[in-house]
Amino acid sequence: MAETDIESLIRSLVIPLLKQPQALSITQKDDGRYHRYIIDVAPNDVGRLIGRQGHVAAALRTIVESTQSRRANSKRVRLLINDHRH
């Protein structure tokens, strides 16, 4: 399956933050309203991806979600981080 532009953007933003970039996995799931991109990383890298008080995760979401199309009938983009720590 070919990587989408959004997956490529996510990968380019996230890889420099990780100690184990080979463990990065991005899954796309579509539902009625959203294109959801779910990021899975090694358990030791989850904290790096979320950042203190969630600032890194919030910045990633802002960048990725701002790429969505402005057309009325297009699905919105959502970025989720799979937290294996809990």
N, C-alpha and C. Protein backbone atom coordinates (compact mmCIF):
# COMPACT_ATOMS: atom_id res chain seq x y z
N MET A 1 0.84 -1.17 0.00
CA MET A 1 0.00 0.00 0.00
C MET A 1 0.89 1.24 0.00
N ALA A 2 0.61 2.16 -0.86
CA ALA A 2 1.43 3.36 -0.99
C ALA A 2 1.20 4.31 0.18
N GLU A 3 2.28 4.96 0.55
CA GLU A 3 2.20 5.91 1.65
C GLU A 3 1.57 7.21 1.15
N THR A 4 0.63 7.74 1.92
CA THR A 4 -0.02 8.99 1.53
C THR A 4 0.88 10.17 1.90
N ASP A 5 0.54 11.34 1.39
CA ASP A 5 1.29 12.55 1.71
C ASP A 5 1.24 12.85 3.21
N ILE A 6 0.10 12.60 3.82
CA ILE A 6 -0.03 12.88 5.26
C ILE A 6 0.82 11.90 6.06
N GLU A 7 0.83 10.63 5.67
CA GLU A 7 1.68 9.65 6.35
C GLU A 7 3.15 10.03 6.21
N SER A 8 3.54 10.49 5.06
CA SER A 8 4.91 10.93 4.83
C SER A 8 5.25 12.13 5.71
N LEU A 9 4.32 13.08 5.83
CA LEU A 9 4.51 14.23 6.70
C LEU A 9 4.67 13.79 8.16
N ILE A 10 3.80 12.90 8.61
CA ILE A 10 3.87 12.41 9.98
C ILE A 10 5.23 11.75 10.23
N ARG A 11 5.63 10.89 9.30
CA ARG A 11 6.90 10.18 9.43
C ARG A 11 8.07 11.16 9.53
N SER A 12 8.06 12.19 8.69
CA SER A 12 9.17 13.16 8.70
C SER A 12 9.19 14.00 9.97
N LEU A 13 8.04 14.21 10.60
CA LEU A 13 7.98 14.97 11.85
C LEU A 13 8.34 14.12 13.06
N VAL A 14 7.98 12.85 13.04
CA VAL A 14 8.10 12.00 14.21
C VAL A 14 9.47 11.31 14.31
N ILE A 15 10.04 10.86 13.22
CA ILE A 15 11.29 10.09 13.26
C ILE A 15 12.41 10.80 14.02
N PRO A 16 12.63 12.10 13.85
CA PRO A 16 13.72 12.74 14.60
C PRO A 16 13.51 12.74 16.12
N LEU A 17 12.30 12.51 16.59
CA LEU A 17 12.01 12.52 18.02
C LEU A 17 12.27 11.18 18.69
N LEU A 18 12.42 10.12 17.90
CA LEU A 18 12.45 8.76 18.43
C LEU A 18 13.86 8.21 18.60
N LYS A 19 14.04 7.37 19.63
CA LYS A 19 15.28 6.62 19.80
C LYS A 19 15.23 5.32 19.01
N GLN A 20 14.03 4.82 18.77
CA GLN A 20 13.84 3.58 18.01
C GLN A 20 12.92 3.85 16.81
N PRO A 21 13.42 4.56 15.80
CA PRO A 21 12.55 4.91 14.67
C PRO A 21 12.06 3.72 13.86
N GLN A 22 12.77 2.59 13.94
CA GLN A 22 12.35 1.40 13.20
C GLN A 22 11.04 0.83 13.74
N ALA A 23 10.67 1.19 14.96
CA ALA A 23 9.43 0.70 15.56
C ALA A 23 8.21 1.54 15.17
N LEU A 24 8.41 2.63 14.44
CA LEU A 24 7.31 3.51 14.06
C LEU A 24 6.36 2.82 13.10
N SER A 25 5.08 2.91 13.42
CA SER A 25 4.03 2.36 12.57
C SER A 25 2.90 3.38 12.51
N ILE A 26 2.43 3.66 11.29
CA ILE A 26 1.33 4.60 11.10
C ILE A 26 0.20 3.86 10.41
N THR A 27 -0.96 3.86 11.04
CA THR A 27 -2.13 3.17 10.50
C THR A 27 -3.20 4.20 10.19
N GLN A 28 -3.82 4.06 9.02
CA GLN A 28 -4.91 4.97 8.65
C GLN A 28 -6.23 4.21 8.76
N LYS A 29 -7.19 4.83 9.43
CA LYS A 29 -8.54 4.28 9.52
C LYS A 29 -9.52 5.37 9.14
N ASP A 30 -10.44 5.04 8.28
CA ASP A 30 -11.46 5.99 7.87
C ASP A 30 -12.79 5.62 8.48
N ASP A 31 -13.52 6.62 8.91
CA ASP A 31 -14.90 6.42 9.32
C ASP A 31 -15.73 7.51 8.64
N GLY A 32 -16.92 7.69 9.06
CA GLY A 32 -17.82 8.62 8.39
C GLY A 32 -17.32 10.05 8.29
N ARG A 33 -16.69 10.56 9.33
CA ARG A 33 -16.29 11.96 9.35
C ARG A 33 -14.79 12.20 9.26
N TYR A 34 -13.98 11.20 9.63
CA TYR A 34 -12.55 11.44 9.80
C TYR A 34 -11.67 10.46 9.06
N HIS A 35 -10.47 10.94 8.68
CA HIS A 35 -9.33 10.11 8.33
C HIS A 35 -8.49 10.10 9.59
N ARG A 36 -8.43 8.96 10.26
CA ARG A 36 -7.66 8.88 11.50
C ARG A 36 -6.30 8.25 11.20
N TYR A 37 -5.24 8.90 11.67
CA TYR A 37 -3.88 8.39 11.55
C TYR A 37 -3.41 8.05 12.95
N ILE A 38 -3.14 6.77 13.17
CA ILE A 38 -2.77 6.28 14.50
C ILE A 38 -1.27 5.96 14.48
N ILE A 39 -0.54 6.58 15.40
CA ILE A 39 0.90 6.39 15.49
C ILE A 39 1.19 5.39 16.60
N ASP A 40 1.96 4.36 16.26
CA ASP A 40 2.47 3.40 17.24
C ASP A 40 3.98 3.51 17.25
N VAL A 41 4.55 3.62 18.43
CA VAL A 41 6.01 3.67 18.59
C VAL A 41 6.39 2.71 19.71
N ALA A 42 7.69 2.53 19.91
CA ALA A 42 8.18 1.70 21.01
C ALA A 42 7.71 2.31 22.33
N PRO A 43 7.43 1.49 23.32
CA PRO A 43 6.96 2.01 24.61
C PRO A 43 7.88 3.07 25.22
N ASN A 44 9.18 2.96 25.02
CA ASN A 44 10.12 3.94 25.57
C ASN A 44 10.06 5.28 24.86
N ASP A 45 9.48 5.32 23.66
CA ASP A 45 9.42 6.55 22.88
C ASP A 45 8.09 7.30 23.01
N VAL A 46 7.12 6.70 23.66
CA VAL A 46 5.81 7.34 23.77
C VAL A 46 5.91 8.69 24.48
N GLY A 47 6.66 8.74 25.56
CA GLY A 47 6.82 9.98 26.30
C GLY A 47 7.48 11.07 25.47
N ARG A 48 8.44 10.70 24.64
CA ARG A 48 9.09 11.67 23.75
C ARG A 48 8.09 12.23 22.75
N LEU A 49 7.21 11.40 22.29
CA LEU A 49 6.23 11.81 21.29
C LEU A 49 5.13 12.69 21.89
N ILE A 50 4.78 12.42 23.13
CA ILE A 50 3.74 13.22 23.79
C ILE A 50 4.33 14.53 24.31
N GLY A 51 5.52 14.46 24.90
CA GLY A 51 6.18 15.66 25.41
C GLY A 51 5.63 16.09 26.75
N ARG A 52 6.31 17.05 27.34
CA ARG A 52 5.86 17.54 28.64
C ARG A 52 4.53 18.25 28.50
N GLN A 53 3.61 17.84 29.33
CA GLN A 53 2.25 18.38 29.36
C GLN A 53 1.57 18.29 27.99
N GLY A 54 2.03 17.36 27.15
CA GLY A 54 1.39 17.14 25.85
C GLY A 54 1.71 18.16 24.78
N HIS A 55 2.73 18.98 25.00
CA HIS A 55 3.04 20.04 24.05
C HIS A 55 3.50 19.52 22.68
N VAL A 56 4.31 18.47 22.67
CA VAL A 56 4.78 17.91 21.39
C VAL A 56 3.61 17.31 20.62
N ALA A 57 2.79 16.53 21.31
CA ALA A 57 1.62 15.92 20.66
C ALA A 57 0.68 16.99 20.11
N ALA A 58 0.47 18.05 20.87
CA ALA A 58 -0.41 19.14 20.42
C ALA A 58 0.16 19.81 19.18
N ALA A 59 1.46 20.02 19.14
CA ALA A 59 2.09 20.64 17.97
C ALA A 59 1.98 19.74 16.75
N LEU A 60 2.21 18.44 16.94
CA LEU A 60 2.07 17.49 15.83
C LEU A 60 0.65 17.49 15.29
N ARG A 61 -0.33 17.48 16.19
CA ARG A 61 -1.73 17.49 15.76
C ARG A 61 -2.06 18.77 15.00
N THR A 62 -1.56 19.90 15.46
CA THR A 62 -1.83 21.17 14.79
C THR A 62 -1.29 21.14 13.37
N ILE A 63 -0.07 20.66 13.19
CA ILE A 63 0.53 20.62 11.86
C ILE A 63 -0.23 19.66 10.95
N VAL A 64 -0.46 18.44 11.43
CA VAL A 64 -1.10 17.42 10.60
C VAL A 64 -2.55 17.78 10.28
N GLU A 65 -3.29 18.23 11.28
CA GLU A 65 -4.70 18.53 11.07
C GLU A 65 -4.90 19.79 10.22
N SER A 66 -3.90 20.64 10.14
CA SER A 66 -4.02 21.84 9.30
C SER A 66 -3.86 21.51 7.82
N THR A 67 -3.45 20.31 7.49
CA THR A 67 -3.29 19.92 6.08
C THR A 67 -4.59 19.51 5.42
N GLN A 68 -5.65 19.40 6.20
CA GLN A 68 -6.91 18.92 5.64
C GLN A 68 -7.46 19.87 4.59
N SER A 69 -8.18 19.31 3.70
CA SER A 69 -8.78 20.08 2.62
C SER A 69 -9.89 20.98 3.14
N ARG A 70 -10.07 22.09 2.51
CA ARG A 70 -11.11 23.04 2.92
C ARG A 70 -12.43 22.80 2.19
N ARG A 71 -12.49 21.75 1.39
CA ARG A 71 -13.75 21.45 0.69
C ARG A 71 -14.82 21.02 1.67
N ALA A 72 -16.02 21.34 1.36
CA ALA A 72 -17.15 21.07 2.27
C ALA A 72 -17.38 19.58 2.47
N ASN A 73 -17.15 18.76 1.46
CA ASN A 73 -17.47 17.34 1.56
C ASN A 73 -16.27 16.48 1.94
N SER A 74 -15.13 17.07 2.26
CA SER A 74 -13.94 16.27 2.58
C SER A 74 -13.96 15.85 4.05
N LYS A 75 -13.32 14.72 4.32
CA LYS A 75 -13.23 14.23 5.69
C LYS A 75 -12.15 15.00 6.43
N ARG A 76 -12.35 15.16 7.73
CA ARG A 76 -11.37 15.84 8.56
C ARG A 76 -10.25 14.86 8.93
N VAL A 77 -9.09 15.38 9.23
CA VAL A 77 -7.93 14.58 9.58
C VAL A 77 -7.73 14.62 11.09
N ARG A 78 -7.48 13.47 11.70
CA ARG A 78 -7.21 13.37 13.13
C ARG A 78 -5.93 12.57 13.33
N LEU A 79 -5.11 12.99 14.28
CA LEU A 79 -3.87 12.29 14.62
C LEU A 79 -4.01 11.75 16.04
N LEU A 80 -3.78 10.45 16.17
CA LEU A 80 -3.88 9.79 17.48
C LEU A 80 -2.56 9.10 17.79
N ILE A 81 -2.18 9.09 19.06
CA ILE A 81 -0.96 8.42 19.50
C ILE A 81 -1.38 7.25 20.39
N ASN A 82 -0.96 6.05 20.01
CA ASN A 82 -1.29 4.86 20.78
C ASN A 82 -0.34 4.81 21.98
N ASP A 83 -0.89 4.97 23.17
CA ASP A 83 -0.11 5.03 24.40
C ASP A 83 -0.03 3.65 25.04
N HIS A 84 1.11 3.01 24.91
CA HIS A 84 1.31 1.66 25.46
C HIS A 84 1.72 1.67 26.92
N ARG A 85 1.87 2.84 27.51
CA ARG A 85 2.37 2.94 28.88
C ARG A 85 1.32 2.54 29.91
N HIS A 86 0.05 2.57 29.56
CA HIS A 86 -1.00 2.31 30.55
C HIS A 86 -1.64 0.97 30.31
